[in-house]
Amino acid sequence: FIELAGEINLRMPYFVVDKVTRAMNARKKA
């Protein structure tokens, strides 16, 4: 349970970058 929580929290910076990527793609920017 604890290790899974650590994995999820470590994923969040990647998720933020993914949100940035998708938001910029929607505006036709790389």
Full PDB file with SEQRES, HELIX, SHEET, SSBOND, CRYST1, ORIGX, SCALE, CONECT and MASTER records, all heavy atoms in Angstrom:
SEQRES   1 A   30  PHE ILE GLU LEU ALA GLY GLU ILE ASN LEU ARG MET PRO          
SEQRES   2 A   30  TYR PHE VAL VAL ASP LYS VAL THR ARG ALA MET ASN ALA          
SEQRES   3 A   30  ARG LYS LYS ALA                                              
HELIX    1 AA1 ILE A    2  ASN A   25  1                                  24    
CRYST1    1.000    1.000    1.000  90.00  90.00  90.00 P 1           1          
ORIGX1      1.000000  0.000000  0.000000        0.00000                         
ORIGX2      0.000000  1.000000  0.000000        0.00000                         
ORIGX3      0.000000  0.000000  1.000000        0.00000                         
SCALE1      1.000000  0.000000  0.000000        0.00000                         
SCALE2      0.000000  1.000000  0.000000        0.00000                         
SCALE3      0.000000  0.000000  1.000000        0.00000                         
ATOM      1  N   PHE A   1       0.832  -1.197   0.000  1.00  0.00           N  
ATOM      2  CA  PHE A   1       0.000   0.000   0.000  1.00  0.00           C  
ATOM      3  C   PHE A   1       0.874   1.258   0.000  1.00  0.00           C  
ATOM      4  O   PHE A   1       0.638   2.207  -0.753  1.00  0.00           O  
ATOM      5  CB  PHE A   1      -0.900  -0.031   1.237  1.00  0.00           C  
ATOM      6  CG  PHE A   1      -2.077   0.892   1.182  1.00  0.00           C  
ATOM      7  CD1 PHE A   1      -3.088   0.692   0.259  1.00  0.00           C  
ATOM      8  CD2 PHE A   1      -2.187   1.949   2.062  1.00  0.00           C  
ATOM      9  CE1 PHE A   1      -4.184   1.536   0.211  1.00  0.00           C  
ATOM     10  CE2 PHE A   1      -3.269   2.806   2.027  1.00  0.00           C  
ATOM     11  CZ  PHE A   1      -4.281   2.598   1.093  1.00  0.00           C  
ATOM     12  N   ILE A   2       1.906   1.260   0.850  1.00  0.00           N  
ATOM     13  CA  ILE A   2       2.796   2.413   0.965  1.00  0.00           C  
ATOM     14  C   ILE A   2       3.603   2.600  -0.317  1.00  0.00           C  
ATOM     15  O   ILE A   2       3.764   3.719  -0.816  1.00  0.00           O  
ATOM     16  CB  ILE A   2       3.736   2.237   2.173  1.00  0.00           C  
ATOM     17  CG1 ILE A   2       2.916   2.221   3.471  1.00  0.00           C  
ATOM     18  CG2 ILE A   2       4.790   3.329   2.211  1.00  0.00           C  
ATOM     19  CD1 ILE A   2       3.722   1.841   4.697  1.00  0.00           C  
ATOM     20  N   GLU A   3       4.112   1.498  -0.860  1.00  0.00           N  
ATOM     21  CA  GLU A   3       4.924   1.593  -2.065  1.00  0.00           C  
ATOM     22  C   GLU A   3       4.096   2.054  -3.260  1.00  0.00           C  
ATOM     23  O   GLU A   3       4.576   2.813  -4.109  1.00  0.00           O  
ATOM     24  CB  GLU A   3       5.592   0.245  -2.340  1.00  0.00           C  
ATOM     25  CG  GLU A   3       6.673  -0.086  -1.302  1.00  0.00           C  
ATOM     26  CD  GLU A   3       7.254  -1.476  -1.469  1.00  0.00           C  
ATOM     27  OE1 GLU A   3       6.888  -2.147  -2.454  1.00  0.00           O  
ATOM     28  OE2 GLU A   3       8.070  -1.878  -0.626  1.00  0.00           O  
ATOM     29  N   LEU A   4       2.830   1.614  -3.315  1.00  0.00           N  
ATOM     30  CA  LEU A   4       1.951   2.062  -4.398  1.00  0.00           C  
ATOM     31  C   LEU A   4       1.715   3.570  -4.305  1.00  0.00           C  
ATOM     32  O   LEU A   4       1.724   4.278  -5.315  1.00  0.00           O  
ATOM     33  CB  LEU A   4       0.615   1.325  -4.341  1.00  0.00           C  
ATOM     34  CG  LEU A   4      -0.437   1.750  -5.373  1.00  0.00           C  
ATOM     35  CD1 LEU A   4       0.096   1.545  -6.782  1.00  0.00           C  
ATOM     36  CD2 LEU A   4      -1.738   0.989  -5.167  1.00  0.00           C  
ATOM     37  N   ALA A   5       1.529   4.059  -3.072  1.00  0.00           N  
ATOM     38  CA  ALA A   5       1.341   5.493  -2.886  1.00  0.00           C  
ATOM     39  C   ALA A   5       2.562   6.254  -3.381  1.00  0.00           C  
ATOM     40  O   ALA A   5       2.444   7.305  -4.026  1.00  0.00           O  
ATOM     41  CB  ALA A   5       1.083   5.802  -1.412  1.00  0.00           C  
ATOM     42  N   GLY A   6       3.756   5.736  -3.064  1.00  0.00           N  
ATOM     43  CA  GLY A   6       4.979   6.375  -3.532  1.00  0.00           C  
ATOM     44  C   GLY A   6       5.046   6.420  -5.048  1.00  0.00           C  
ATOM     45  O   GLY A   6       5.467   7.423  -5.633  1.00  0.00           O  
ATOM     46  N   GLU A   7       4.623   5.329  -5.691  1.00  0.00           N  
ATOM     47  CA  GLU A   7       4.644   5.275  -7.152  1.00  0.00           C  
ATOM     48  C   GLU A   7       3.705   6.305  -7.764  1.00  0.00           C  
ATOM     49  O   GLU A   7       4.043   6.973  -8.745  1.00  0.00           O  
ATOM     50  CB  GLU A   7       4.249   3.874  -7.623  1.00  0.00           C  
ATOM     51  CG  GLU A   7       5.272   2.793  -7.298  1.00  0.00           C  
ATOM     52  CD  GLU A   7       4.776   1.406  -7.656  1.00  0.00           C  
ATOM     53  OE1 GLU A   7       3.739   1.316  -8.364  1.00  0.00           O  
ATOM     54  OE2 GLU A   7       5.388   0.419  -7.227  1.00  0.00           O  
ATOM     55  N   ILE A   8       2.522   6.446  -7.167  1.00  0.00           N  
ATOM     56  CA  ILE A   8       1.553   7.411  -7.691  1.00  0.00           C  
ATOM     57  C   ILE A   8       2.074   8.830  -7.558  1.00  0.00           C  
ATOM     58  O   ILE A   8       2.008   9.632  -8.501  1.00  0.00           O  
ATOM     59  CB  ILE A   8       0.199   7.268  -6.956  1.00  0.00           C  
ATOM     60  CG1 ILE A   8      -0.440   5.915  -7.304  1.00  0.00           C  
ATOM     61  CG2 ILE A   8      -0.740   8.418  -7.311  1.00  0.00           C  
ATOM     62  CD1 ILE A   8      -1.650   5.575  -6.464  1.00  0.00           C  
ATOM     63  N   ASN A   9       2.626   9.153  -6.391  1.00  0.00           N  
ATOM     64  CA  ASN A   9       3.138  10.511  -6.189  1.00  0.00           C  
ATOM     65  C   ASN A   9       4.312  10.821  -7.109  1.00  0.00           C  
ATOM     66  O   ASN A   9       4.458  11.959  -7.579  1.00  0.00           O  
ATOM     67  CB  ASN A   9       3.537  10.704  -4.724  1.00  0.00           C  
ATOM     68  CG  ASN A   9       2.331  10.777  -3.804  1.00  0.00           C  
ATOM     69  OD1 ASN A   9       1.256  11.210  -4.212  1.00  0.00           O  
ATOM     70  ND2 ASN A   9       2.510  10.367  -2.554  1.00  0.00           N  
ATOM     71  N   LEU A  10       5.134   9.808  -7.381  1.00  0.00           N  
ATOM     72  CA  LEU A  10       6.258  10.019  -8.293  1.00  0.00           C  
ATOM     73  C   LEU A  10       5.804  10.224  -9.738  1.00  0.00           C  
ATOM     74  O   LEU A  10       6.535  10.798 -10.555  1.00  0.00           O  
ATOM     75  CB  LEU A  10       7.222   8.831  -8.218  1.00  0.00           C  
ATOM     76  CG  LEU A  10       8.075   8.721  -6.944  1.00  0.00           C  
ATOM     77  CD1 LEU A  10       8.843   7.409  -6.927  1.00  0.00           C  
ATOM     78  CD2 LEU A  10       9.039   9.900  -6.825  1.00  0.00           C  
ATOM     79  N   ARG A  11       4.597   9.761 -10.051  1.00  0.00           N  
ATOM     80  CA  ARG A  11       4.057   9.913 -11.410  1.00  0.00           C  
ATOM     81  C   ARG A  11       3.579  11.327 -11.693  1.00  0.00           C  
ATOM     82  O   ARG A  11       3.469  11.743 -12.856  1.00  0.00           O  
ATOM     83  CB  ARG A  11       2.872   8.956 -11.625  1.00  0.00           C  
ATOM     84  CG  ARG A  11       3.243   7.506 -11.861  1.00  0.00           C  
ATOM     85  CD  ARG A  11       1.986   6.634 -11.932  1.00  0.00           C  
ATOM     86  NE  ARG A  11       1.032   7.078 -12.949  1.00  0.00           N  
ATOM     87  CZ  ARG A  11      -0.205   6.600 -13.059  1.00  0.00           C  
ATOM     88  NH1 ARG A  11      -0.646   5.704 -12.198  1.00  0.00           N  
ATOM     89  NH2 ARG A  11      -1.005   7.037 -14.018  1.00  0.00           N  
ATOM     90  N   MET A  12       3.268  12.077 -10.654  1.00  0.00           N  
ATOM     91  CA  MET A  12       2.579  13.346 -10.855  1.00  0.00           C  
ATOM     92  C   MET A  12       3.353  14.383 -11.667  1.00  0.00           C  
ATOM     93  O   MET A  12       2.761  15.091 -12.494  1.00  0.00           O  
ATOM     94  CB  MET A  12       2.136  13.926  -9.512  1.00  0.00           C  
ATOM     95  CG  MET A  12       1.080  13.092  -8.805  1.00  0.00           C  
ATOM     96  SD  MET A  12      -0.355  12.695  -9.846  1.00  0.00           S  
ATOM     97  CE  MET A  12      -1.103  14.315 -10.055  1.00  0.00           C  
ATOM     98  N   PRO A  13       4.681  14.533 -11.493  1.00  0.00           N  
ATOM     99  CA  PRO A  13       5.387  15.474 -12.382  1.00  0.00           C  
ATOM    100  C   PRO A  13       5.239  15.098 -13.853  1.00  0.00           C  
ATOM    101  O   PRO A  13       5.124  15.971 -14.724  1.00  0.00           O  
ATOM    102  CB  PRO A  13       6.838  15.374 -11.915  1.00  0.00           C  
ATOM    103  CG  PRO A  13       6.752  14.915 -10.494  1.00  0.00           C  
ATOM    104  CD  PRO A  13       5.581  13.986 -10.456  1.00  0.00           C  
ATOM    105  N   TYR A  14       5.237  13.792 -14.134  1.00  0.00           N  
ATOM    106  CA  TYR A  14       5.049  13.330 -15.512  1.00  0.00           C  
ATOM    107  C   TYR A  14       3.656  13.693 -16.014  1.00  0.00           C  
ATOM    108  O   TYR A  14       3.477  14.063 -17.179  1.00  0.00           O  
ATOM    109  CB  TYR A  14       5.262  11.820 -15.594  1.00  0.00           C  
ATOM    110  CG  TYR A  14       6.673  11.374 -15.296  1.00  0.00           C  
ATOM    111  CD1 TYR A  14       7.092  11.131 -13.991  1.00  0.00           C  
ATOM    112  CD2 TYR A  14       7.598  11.201 -16.324  1.00  0.00           C  
ATOM    113  CE1 TYR A  14       8.384  10.738 -13.720  1.00  0.00           C  
ATOM    114  CE2 TYR A  14       8.903  10.788 -16.069  1.00  0.00           C  
ATOM    115  CZ  TYR A  14       9.289  10.568 -14.752  1.00  0.00           C  
ATOM    116  OH  TYR A  14      10.575  10.167 -14.491  1.00  0.00           O  
ATOM    117  N   PHE A  15       2.666  13.586 -15.124  1.00  0.00           N  
ATOM    118  CA  PHE A  15       1.300  13.937 -15.490  1.00  0.00           C  
ATOM    119  C   PHE A  15       1.181  15.428 -15.799  1.00  0.00           C  
ATOM    120  O   PHE A  15       0.498  15.829 -16.745  1.00  0.00           O  
ATOM    121  CB  PHE A  15       0.347  13.542 -14.359  1.00  0.00           C  
ATOM    122  CG  PHE A  15      -1.089  13.933 -14.604  1.00  0.00           C  
ATOM    123  CD1 PHE A  15      -1.795  13.413 -15.678  1.00  0.00           C  
ATOM    124  CD2 PHE A  15      -1.725  14.828 -13.759  1.00  0.00           C  
ATOM    125  CE1 PHE A  15      -3.117  13.774 -15.913  1.00  0.00           C  
ATOM    126  CE2 PHE A  15      -3.050  15.183 -13.976  1.00  0.00           C  
ATOM    127  CZ  PHE A  15      -3.744  14.666 -15.057  1.00  0.00           C  
ATOM    128  N   VAL A  16       1.843  16.260 -14.997  1.00  0.00           N  
ATOM    129  CA  VAL A  16       1.821  17.704 -15.245  1.00  0.00           C  
ATOM    130  C   VAL A  16       2.413  18.010 -16.618  1.00  0.00           C  
ATOM    131  O   VAL A  16       1.865  18.811 -17.395  1.00  0.00           O  
ATOM    132  CB  VAL A  16       2.576  18.468 -14.136  1.00  0.00           C  
ATOM    133  CG1 VAL A  16       2.754  19.938 -14.519  1.00  0.00           C  
ATOM    134  CG2 VAL A  16       1.842  18.358 -12.809  1.00  0.00           C  
ATOM    135  N   VAL A  17       3.531  17.383 -16.933  1.00  0.00           N  
ATOM    136  CA  VAL A  17       4.153  17.599 -18.242  1.00  0.00           C  
ATOM    137  C   VAL A  17       3.230  17.109 -19.352  1.00  0.00           C  
ATOM    138  O   VAL A  17       3.130  17.735 -20.424  1.00  0.00           O  
ATOM    139  CB  VAL A  17       5.528  16.896 -18.305  1.00  0.00           C  
ATOM    140  CG1 VAL A  17       6.103  16.939 -19.724  1.00  0.00           C  
ATOM    141  CG2 VAL A  17       6.489  17.555 -17.326  1.00  0.00           C  
ATOM    142  N   ASP A  18       2.530  16.011 -19.111  1.00  0.00           N  
ATOM    143  CA  ASP A  18       1.566  15.508 -20.095  1.00  0.00           C  
ATOM    144  C   ASP A  18       0.443  16.526 -20.316  1.00  0.00           C  
ATOM    145  O   ASP A  18       0.007  16.748 -21.459  1.00  0.00           O  
ATOM    146  CB  ASP A  18       0.990  14.174 -19.620  1.00  0.00           C  
ATOM    147  CG  ASP A  18      -0.010  13.595 -20.608  1.00  0.00           C  
ATOM    148  OD1 ASP A  18       0.374  13.345 -21.768  1.00  0.00           O  
ATOM    149  OD2 ASP A  18      -1.181  13.396 -20.214  1.00  0.00           O  
ATOM    150  N   LYS A  19      -0.027  17.152 -19.222  1.00  0.00           N  
ATOM    151  CA  LYS A  19      -1.062  18.181 -19.353  1.00  0.00           C  
ATOM    152  C   LYS A  19      -0.548  19.362 -20.173  1.00  0.00           C  
ATOM    153  O   LYS A  19      -1.279  19.916 -21.001  1.00  0.00           O  
ATOM    154  CB  LYS A  19      -1.490  18.667 -17.967  1.00  0.00           C  
ATOM    155  CG  LYS A  19      -2.228  17.652 -17.126  1.00  0.00           C  
ATOM    156  CD  LYS A  19      -3.677  17.466 -17.558  1.00  0.00           C  
ATOM    157  CE  LYS A  19      -4.565  18.591 -17.092  1.00  0.00           C  
ATOM    158  NZ  LYS A  19      -6.004  18.267 -17.279  1.00  0.00           N  
ATOM    159  N   VAL A  20       0.702  19.750 -19.940  1.00  0.00           N  
ATOM    160  CA  VAL A  20       1.301  20.836 -20.713  1.00  0.00           C  
ATOM    161  C   VAL A  20       1.373  20.455 -22.196  1.00  0.00           C  
ATOM    162  O   VAL A  20       1.015  21.242 -23.079  1.00  0.00           O  
ATOM    163  CB  VAL A  20       2.707  21.172 -20.182  1.00  0.00           C  
ATOM    164  CG1 VAL A  20       3.413  22.173 -21.104  1.00  0.00           C  
ATOM    165  CG2 VAL A  20       2.628  21.731 -18.767  1.00  0.00           C  
ATOM    166  N   THR A  21       1.810  19.233 -22.455  1.00  0.00           N  
ATOM    167  CA  THR A  21       1.939  18.761 -23.840  1.00  0.00           C  
ATOM    168  C   THR A  21       0.606  18.795 -24.557  1.00  0.00           C  
ATOM    169  O   THR A  21       0.489  19.301 -25.690  1.00  0.00           O  
ATOM    170  CB  THR A  21       2.515  17.334 -23.859  1.00  0.00           C  
ATOM    171  OG1 THR A  21       3.779  17.325 -23.198  1.00  0.00           O  
ATOM    172  CG2 THR A  21       2.670  16.834 -25.289  1.00  0.00           C  
ATOM    173  N   ARG A  22      -0.434  18.268 -23.896  1.00  0.00           N  
ATOM    174  CA  ARG A  22      -1.756  18.221 -24.528  1.00  0.00           C  
ATOM    175  C   ARG A  22      -2.335  19.626 -24.720  1.00  0.00           C  
ATOM    176  O   ARG A  22      -2.970  19.925 -25.739  1.00  0.00           O  
ATOM    177  CB  ARG A  22      -2.710  17.370 -23.691  1.00  0.00           C  
ATOM    178  CG  ARG A  22      -2.463  15.856 -23.849  1.00  0.00           C  
ATOM    179  CD  ARG A  22      -3.506  15.054 -23.120  1.00  0.00           C  
ATOM    180  NE  ARG A  22      -3.227  14.962 -21.686  1.00  0.00           N  
ATOM    181  CZ  ARG A  22      -4.158  14.894 -20.753  1.00  0.00           C  
ATOM    182  NH1 ARG A  22      -5.437  14.979 -21.069  1.00  0.00           N  
ATOM    183  NH2 ARG A  22      -3.820  14.776 -19.488  1.00  0.00           N  
ATOM    184  N   ALA A  23      -2.120  20.487 -23.730  1.00  0.00           N  
ATOM    185  CA  ALA A  23      -2.643  21.854 -23.835  1.00  0.00           C  
ATOM    186  C   ALA A  23      -1.979  22.603 -24.986  1.00  0.00           C  
ATOM    187  O   ALA A  23      -2.635  23.367 -25.714  1.00  0.00           O  
ATOM    188  CB  ALA A  23      -2.416  22.590 -22.522  1.00  0.00           C  
ATOM    189  N   MET A  24      -0.671  22.381 -25.153  1.00  0.00           N  
ATOM    190  CA  MET A  24       0.034  23.060 -26.247  1.00  0.00           C  
ATOM    191  C   MET A  24      -0.322  22.444 -27.595  1.00  0.00           C  
ATOM    192  O   MET A  24      -0.448  23.160 -28.598  1.00  0.00           O  
ATOM    193  CB  MET A  24       1.536  23.014 -25.993  1.00  0.00           C  
ATOM    194  CG  MET A  24       1.947  23.862 -24.792  1.00  0.00           C  
ATOM    195  SD  MET A  24       3.725  23.994 -24.562  1.00  0.00           S  
ATOM    196  CE  MET A  24       4.211  24.862 -26.044  1.00  0.00           C  
ATOM    197  N   ASN A  25      -0.496  21.135 -27.625  1.00  0.00           N  
ATOM    198  CA  ASN A  25      -0.917  20.490 -28.873  1.00  0.00           C  
ATOM    199  C   ASN A  25      -2.254  21.039 -29.345  1.00  0.00           C  
ATOM    200  O   ASN A  25      -2.481  21.224 -30.545  1.00  0.00           O  
ATOM    201  CB  ASN A  25      -1.023  18.977 -28.679  1.00  0.00           C  
ATOM    202  CG  ASN A  25       0.321  18.285 -28.734  1.00  0.00           C  
ATOM    203  OD1 ASN A  25       1.298  18.861 -29.205  1.00  0.00           O  
ATOM    204  ND2 ASN A  25       0.379  17.049 -28.256  1.00  0.00           N  
ATOM    205  N   ALA A  26      -3.144  21.297 -28.388  1.00  0.00           N  
ATOM    206  CA  ALA A  26      -4.461  21.833 -28.747  1.00  0.00           C  
ATOM    207  C   ALA A  26      -4.348  23.209 -29.372  1.00  0.00           C  
ATOM    208  O   ALA A  26      -5.261  23.665 -30.081  1.00  0.00           O  
ATOM    209  CB  ALA A  26      -5.353  21.889 -27.502  1.00  0.00           C  
ATOM    210  N   ARG A  27      -3.225  23.866 -29.121  1.00  0.00           N  
ATOM    211  CA  ARG A  27      -2.963  25.194 -29.697  1.00  0.00           C  
ATOM    212  C   ARG A  27      -1.942  25.111 -30.825  1.00  0.00           C  
ATOM    213  O   ARG A  27      -1.355  26.114 -31.214  1.00  0.00           O  
ATOM    214  CB  ARG A  27      -2.489  26.140 -28.591  1.00  0.00           C  
ATOM    215  CG  ARG A  27      -3.621  26.511 -27.632  1.00  0.00           C  
ATOM    216  CD  ARG A  27      -3.125  26.991 -26.290  1.00  0.00           C  
ATOM    217  NE  ARG A  27      -4.231  27.415 -25.440  1.00  0.00           N  
ATOM    218  CZ  ARG A  27      -5.040  26.588 -24.774  1.00  0.00           C  
ATOM    219  NH1 ARG A  27      -4.872  25.269 -24.878  1.00  0.00           N  
ATOM    220  NH2 ARG A  27      -6.029  27.063 -24.031  1.00  0.00           N  
ATOM    221  N   LYS A  28      -1.740  23.887 -31.314  1.00  0.00           N  
ATOM    222  CA  LYS A  28      -0.854  23.620 -32.450  1.00  0.00           C  
ATOM    223  C   LYS A  28       0.587  24.079 -32.180  1.00  0.00           C  
ATOM    224  O   LYS A  28       1.265  24.644 -33.037  1.00  0.00           O  
ATOM    225  CB  LYS A  28      -1.391  24.270 -33.740  1.00  0.00           C  
ATOM    226  CG  LYS A  28      -2.790  23.819 -34.115  1.00  0.00           C  
ATOM    227  CD  LYS A  28      -3.199  24.356 -35.461  1.00  0.00           C  
ATOM    228  CE  LYS A  28      -4.646  24.030 -35.784  1.00  0.00           C  
ATOM    229  NZ  LYS A  28      -5.044  22.657 -35.508  1.00  0.00           N  
ATOM    230  N   LYS A  29       1.051  23.830 -30.950  1.00  0.00           N  
ATOM    231  CA  LYS A  29       2.416  24.144 -30.570  1.00  0.00           C  
ATOM    232  C   LYS A  29       3.102  22.892 -30.036  1.00  0.00           C  
ATOM    233  O   LYS A  29       2.470  22.067 -29.385  1.00  0.00           O  
ATOM    234  CB  LYS A  29       2.457  25.250 -29.510  1.00  0.00           C  
ATOM    235  CG  LYS A  29       2.121  26.637 -30.039  1.00  0.00           C  
ATOM    236  CD  LYS A  29       2.264  27.683 -28.959  1.00  0.00           C  
ATOM    237  CE  LYS A  29       2.042  29.081 -29.520  1.00  0.00           C  
ATOM    238  NZ  LYS A  29       3.141  29.487 -30.441  1.00  0.00           N  
ATOM    239  N   ALA A  30       4.407  22.787 -30.284  1.00  0.00           N  
ATOM    240  CA  ALA A  30       5.184  21.650 -29.797  1.00  0.00           C  
ATOM    241  C   ALA A  30       5.967  22.060 -28.557  1.00  0.00           C  
ATOM    242  O   ALA A  30       6.330  23.224 -28.385  1.00  0.00           O  
ATOM    243  CB  ALA A  30       6.146  21.169 -30.875  1.00  0.00           C  
TER     244      ALA A  30                                                      
MASTER        0    0    0    1    0    0    0    6  243    1    0    3          
END                                                                             
